[in-house]
Structure formats: C-alpha cells, structure tokens
Amino acid sequence: MSATATPVRLRGLKVAYVFGGSTGAWMAHLFFASSFVQYSCNAHGTLWYQHVATVVGAAICIHAAWIAYGLYQEGQSATEDAGTSLGANNFIGVVGLIVAFTNLLLILGEGSFSGLIHQGCH
C-alpha cells in the first residue's frame, strides 16, 4: 500500500461520514428548528438555541466537506477508470463536496429565519 492510500475500512467510514454526516446534520437541524418554533414563541430568551443548532450543523457540514476534499485530493493520483479505490475517491470527493455544500446552504437558509420567528409570534 502506498503512503497516500487509505485502508479500505477507513475509506468506507470517510465516505459514510461525507454523505451521512452532512445530510444527518441538515435533517437534525430541520427537525430541531421546526419543532422549536412554538417553544421559542412561548419562552423568552431561547432564540440562541436555534443559533447554536445552526452553528453546530454548519460545522458538521464544513467538516464533512473537508473530508470530501481530502478524498478528492487522494483521487488525483489515479484516474477514475483505473478501477482502484484511489480512482474512485476522485468522484466520491466531488460528489461529497456537492452534497456537503448543498446541506450547508440548507442549514444556513433555515437558520436565517430564526430572527424572523419572534416577529411572527403573537
């Protein structure tokens, strides 16, 4: 195994985290934000919880994008049609970056409505 090759077990965990981590962070943020709206209208001083959830979800997505970029860089040493795990890393890294940044945009978009929630509470 070369110095840049990742063991298959670790590669599988990285791939699962790249796709599942950022998507799971978005889903958790969506569920938290939607279920917390009524409580934040009734209890004062709770808006910061939504900001914390947004920051944590965004941090997970950024970390998943960093891991995806690492997979992409590992894949630069082999072509995609080589049939090796390094060749597949190129494609997995690009798709992982797209998924992670899409989930990041969704989280930041949902988080931007936190300031508007209290304006609608009556």
Foldseek 3Di string as FASTA:
>chain_A
DDPLDDPPVVVVVLLCLLQVQLVVLLVVLVVCLVVCLVVPLVDDPCLVVNVVSLVVSLVSLVVSLVSLVSLLVQLVVDDLPPPDSSNVSNVSSVVSNVNSVVSNVSSVVSSVCSVVSNVPRD
